[in-house]
Amino acid sequence: MQIVHTEFQDQLVRGLAHRMNNILTLFHGYLGLLLDNQKLDQPTLAGLAKIKQAATQASELMDRTHALVRPSTTVMRSIDVGEYLRMLRVGFESFRGPRTEIELSIEDDLPHVQGDAARVKTAMVELVRNACEATFAGGGRVLIEVRGEKTKGGRGKIVVFTVTDNGPGIPEELLEKVFIPFFTTKKKLNAAGLGLTVAQSFVQQHNGTLRLTSSDGSTVAEMRLPAE
């Protein structure tokens, strides 16, 4: 699925994200003051804590929505995908369910990717988050792999980043829809339905490809980026 941007859509999302973040900043500020009030009873404090958690989720949702907007400036640099993945490994733990295992496999001597580091990292994070959400309730295994390949004809190089989970899988008729913003097949309450959309947008900006294949009990997301 090719994600198409228009200037109107980009301006709309930028404006909405700016207004909503201003509102949510007020939420966080006043909630912080209220939660520090030692005179409040426990049920009230528990309710305020839930409101703060919802406000945090709303802030994250707006950040991920804003990420879909085309960047006004892109800082291109040489990226060691394997090294970035090792640094992100600890953060992946926050996505997994209590019975999900995360495994990492990084090929030695990977070629580097020329790209915007923040966006390449975000694409990897979103693919891992998506796989962890698929296994969150029932538990399982998420395998993250990165390797180098030669292009057809052997004239170029590609870095291939794959994330495989053994969740319930995605029906074939829904595979194209999973890249539509806010569409989700997951039952997890706070699954936003934006991860694959964000990843797809970033991959396209780097002239790469993102492919999703699924069967009963397994889903594989494969991101392919041109390498130096």
Protein backbone atom coordinates (compact mmCIF):
# COMPACT_ATOMS: atom_id res chain seq x y z
CA MET A 1 0.00 0.00 0.00
CA GLN A 2 1.43 3.36 -1.06
CA ILE A 3 0.83 6.15 1.46
CA VAL A 4 -0.02 9.41 -0.32
CA HIS A 5 0.46 12.78 1.38
CA THR A 6 -1.07 16.14 0.48
CA GLU A 7 -0.01 19.52 1.84
CA PHE A 8 -3.52 20.04 3.25
CA GLN A 9 -3.37 16.76 5.18
CA ASP A 10 0.09 17.57 6.53
CA GLN A 11 -1.00 21.04 7.70
CA LEU A 12 -4.15 19.59 9.28
CA VAL A 13 -2.20 16.98 11.26
CA ARG A 14 0.47 19.49 12.33
CA GLY A 15 -2.16 21.94 13.54
CA LEU A 16 -4.16 19.27 15.37
CA ALA A 17 -1.07 17.82 17.04
CA HIS A 18 0.04 21.29 18.19
CA ARG A 19 -3.38 22.17 19.67
CA MET A 20 -3.86 18.78 21.32
CA ASN A 21 -0.38 18.78 22.84
CA ASN A 22 -1.05 22.21 24.38
CA ILE A 23 -4.25 20.86 25.94
CA LEU A 24 -2.55 17.69 27.17
CA THR A 25 0.29 19.72 28.69
CA LEU A 26 -2.32 21.46 30.86
CA PHE A 27 -3.78 18.08 31.79
CA HIS A 28 -0.40 16.76 32.90
CA GLY A 29 0.44 19.94 34.82
CA TYR A 30 -2.76 20.14 36.85
CA LEU A 31 -2.93 16.39 37.40
CA GLY A 32 0.58 16.51 38.81
CA LEU A 33 -0.47 19.19 41.29
CA LEU A 34 -3.55 17.24 42.32
CA LEU A 35 -1.66 13.99 42.76
CA ASP A 36 0.79 15.77 45.08
CA ASN A 37 -2.10 16.84 47.35
CA GLN A 38 -1.76 14.64 50.43
CA LYS A 39 -5.24 15.57 51.66
CA LEU A 40 -6.98 13.58 48.90
CA ASP A 41 -8.33 10.13 49.74
CA GLN A 42 -7.08 6.98 48.02
CA PRO A 43 -10.09 6.43 45.70
CA THR A 44 -9.71 10.00 44.39
CA LEU A 45 -5.96 9.57 43.90
CA ALA A 46 -6.54 6.26 42.09
CA GLY A 47 -9.02 7.95 39.76
CA LEU A 48 -6.60 10.78 39.04
CA ALA A 49 -3.86 8.26 38.32
CA LYS A 50 -6.08 6.60 35.70
CA ILE A 51 -6.80 9.99 34.12
CA LYS A 52 -3.06 10.71 34.00
CA GLN A 53 -2.41 7.34 32.36
CA ALA A 54 -5.07 8.09 29.72
CA ALA A 55 -3.56 11.54 29.10
CA THR A 56 -0.14 9.92 28.62
CA GLN A 57 -1.62 7.47 26.10
CA ALA A 58 -3.30 10.39 24.29
CA SER A 59 0.04 12.25 24.11
CA GLU A 60 1.71 9.16 22.65
CA LEU A 61 -1.11 8.77 20.12
CA MET A 62 -0.71 12.38 18.96
CA ASP A 63 3.07 11.94 18.66
CA ARG A 64 2.62 8.84 16.50
CA THR A 65 -0.01 10.58 14.36
CA HIS A 66 2.28 13.57 13.91
CA ALA A 67 5.05 11.21 12.82
CA LEU A 68 3.07 10.50 9.65
CA VAL A 69 3.57 14.05 8.42
CA ARG A 70 6.32 14.54 5.87
CA PRO A 71 9.38 16.04 7.59
CA SER A 72 10.27 19.62 6.69
CA THR A 73 13.93 18.69 7.07
CA THR A 74 15.58 15.28 6.90
CA VAL A 75 19.02 14.68 8.38
CA MET A 76 20.66 11.90 6.39
CA ARG A 77 23.58 10.00 7.87
CA SER A 78 25.26 6.60 7.76
CA ILE A 79 23.33 4.24 10.06
CA ASP A 80 24.59 1.03 11.62
CA VAL A 81 21.20 -0.72 11.94
CA GLY A 82 22.64 -3.56 14.02
CA GLU A 83 24.15 -1.18 16.58
CA TYR A 84 20.92 0.81 16.82
CA LEU A 85 19.00 -2.41 17.34
CA ARG A 86 21.25 -3.42 20.24
CA MET A 87 20.61 -0.03 21.87
CA LEU A 88 16.85 -0.37 21.41
CA ARG A 89 16.75 -3.89 22.87
CA VAL A 90 16.09 -2.77 26.45
CA GLY A 91 13.22 -0.52 25.35
CA PHE A 92 11.51 -3.42 23.59
CA GLU A 93 10.91 -5.03 26.99
CA SER A 94 8.22 -2.44 27.75
CA PHE A 95 6.14 -3.68 24.79
CA ARG A 96 6.04 -7.38 25.54
CA GLY A 97 3.49 -9.22 27.62
CA PRO A 98 4.50 -11.14 30.76
CA ARG A 99 4.70 -14.44 28.85
CA THR A 100 6.33 -13.18 25.65
CA GLU A 101 10.00 -13.80 24.87
CA ILE A 102 12.04 -11.52 22.62
CA GLU A 103 15.00 -12.92 20.68
CA LEU A 104 17.55 -10.94 18.71
CA SER A 105 19.72 -12.09 15.80
CA ILE A 106 22.13 -9.61 14.17
CA GLU A 107 24.39 -10.62 11.30
CA ASP A 108 28.04 -9.59 11.54
CA ASP A 109 29.54 -6.95 9.23
CA LEU A 110 26.23 -5.44 8.14
CA PRO A 111 26.38 -2.73 5.47
CA HIS A 112 25.24 0.69 6.66
CA VAL A 113 22.04 2.43 5.59
CA GLN A 114 21.99 6.07 4.47
CA GLY A 115 18.96 7.64 6.10
CA ASP A 116 17.33 9.71 8.80
CA ALA A 117 18.35 7.94 12.02
CA ALA A 118 15.27 8.93 14.03
CA ARG A 119 12.88 7.66 11.38
CA VAL A 120 14.72 4.40 10.74
CA LYS A 121 14.75 3.70 14.49
CA THR A 122 11.06 4.56 14.78
CA ALA A 123 10.19 2.17 11.93
CA MET A 124 12.04 -0.66 13.73
CA VAL A 125 10.37 0.17 17.04
CA GLU A 126 6.90 0.20 15.49
CA LEU A 127 7.38 -3.20 13.87
CA VAL A 128 8.55 -4.72 17.16
CA ARG A 129 5.75 -3.04 19.09
CA ASN A 130 3.24 -4.44 16.59
CA ALA A 131 4.58 -7.99 17.03
CA CYS A 132 4.61 -7.71 20.83
CA GLU A 133 1.01 -6.50 20.84
CA ALA A 134 0.04 -9.54 18.76
CA THR A 135 1.43 -11.86 21.43
CA PHE A 136 0.59 -9.74 24.48
CA ALA A 137 -2.43 -11.65 25.78
CA GLY A 138 -1.48 -15.25 25.01
CA GLY A 139 2.29 -15.01 25.26
CA GLY A 140 4.72 -16.38 22.72
CA ARG A 141 7.91 -15.48 20.88
CA VAL A 142 9.05 -12.44 18.93
CA LEU A 143 12.15 -12.98 16.79
CA ILE A 144 13.98 -9.88 15.52
CA GLU A 145 16.55 -10.43 12.78
CA VAL A 146 18.71 -8.14 10.65
CA ARG A 147 20.93 -9.26 7.79
CA GLY A 148 22.55 -7.96 4.64
CA GLU A 149 21.71 -9.02 1.08
CA LYS A 150 22.81 -8.19 -2.44
CA THR A 151 20.28 -6.77 -4.86
CA LYS A 152 19.25 -8.72 -7.91
CA GLY A 153 22.19 -8.62 -10.28
CA GLY A 154 24.58 -8.08 -7.37
CA ARG A 155 25.13 -4.38 -8.06
CA GLY A 156 23.85 -3.07 -4.76
CA LYS A 157 23.25 -3.97 -1.14
CA ILE A 158 20.16 -4.17 1.05
CA VAL A 159 19.66 -4.36 4.81
CA VAL A 160 16.77 -6.67 5.65
CA PHE A 161 15.06 -6.23 9.01
CA THR A 162 12.44 -8.86 9.91
CA VAL A 163 10.20 -9.31 12.92
CA THR A 164 8.42 -12.65 13.34
CA ASP A 165 5.80 -13.37 15.98
CA ASN A 166 3.79 -16.49 16.74
CA GLY A 167 0.58 -14.64 17.52
CA PRO A 168 -2.81 -15.56 16.08
CA GLY A 169 -1.93 -14.36 12.57
CA ILE A 170 -3.87 -12.03 10.26
CA PRO A 171 -6.56 -13.25 7.85
CA GLU A 172 -5.49 -12.84 4.22
CA GLU A 173 -8.39 -10.52 3.41
CA LEU A 174 -7.20 -8.07 6.10
CA LEU A 175 -3.49 -7.94 5.17
CA GLU A 176 -3.89 -4.87 2.95
CA LYS A 177 -6.04 -3.07 5.52
CA VAL A 178 -3.46 -3.25 8.31
CA PHE A 179 -1.59 -0.30 6.75
CA ILE A 180 -4.68 1.92 6.94
CA PRO A 181 -4.39 4.45 9.82
CA PHE A 182 -6.20 3.36 13.00
CA PHE A 183 -7.19 -0.04 11.60
CA THR A 184 -6.27 -2.85 14.00
CA THR A 185 -6.97 -6.55 14.36
CA LYS A 186 -5.80 -6.61 17.98
CA LYS A 187 -7.98 -6.88 21.06
CA LYS A 188 -5.44 -5.07 23.25
CA LEU A 189 -7.28 -2.02 24.65
CA ASN A 190 -4.69 0.64 23.77
CA ALA A 191 -3.64 -0.77 20.38
CA ALA A 192 -3.76 2.38 18.26
CA GLY A 193 -3.64 0.89 14.77
CA LEU A 194 -0.86 3.28 13.74
CA GLY A 195 2.35 1.26 14.04
CA LEU A 196 2.39 -0.28 10.57
CA THR A 197 1.18 2.98 8.98
CA VAL A 198 4.05 4.92 10.56
CA ALA A 199 6.59 2.26 9.61
CA GLN A 200 5.31 2.10 6.02
CA SER A 201 5.51 5.88 5.67
CA PHE A 202 9.10 6.01 6.93
CA VAL A 203 10.23 3.08 4.80
CA GLN A 204 8.82 4.72 1.67
CA GLN A 205 10.69 7.94 2.51
CA HIS A 206 13.91 5.88 2.40
CA ASN A 207 13.07 4.20 -0.93
CA GLY A 208 12.63 0.87 0.82
CA THR A 209 9.83 -1.67 1.02
CA LEU A 210 7.75 -3.11 3.84
CA ARG A 211 5.95 -6.42 3.38
CA LEU A 212 3.71 -8.32 5.77
CA THR A 213 2.98 -12.03 5.42
CA SER A 214 0.84 -14.05 7.76
CA SER A 215 -0.58 -17.49 8.33
CA ASP A 216 -2.44 -19.12 11.18
CA GLY A 217 -0.10 -18.73 14.15
CA SER A 218 2.64 -16.61 12.55
CA THR A 219 3.18 -13.12 11.13
CA VAL A 220 6.35 -11.78 9.52
CA ALA A 221 7.09 -8.11 8.87
CA GLU A 222 10.00 -7.57 6.48
CA MET A 223 11.56 -4.14 5.99
CA ARG A 224 14.13 -3.78 3.22
CA LEU A 225 16.27 -0.65 3.02
CA PRO A 226 18.90 0.26 0.41
CA ALA A 227 22.41 0.08 1.88
CA GLU A 228 25.63 1.92 1.15
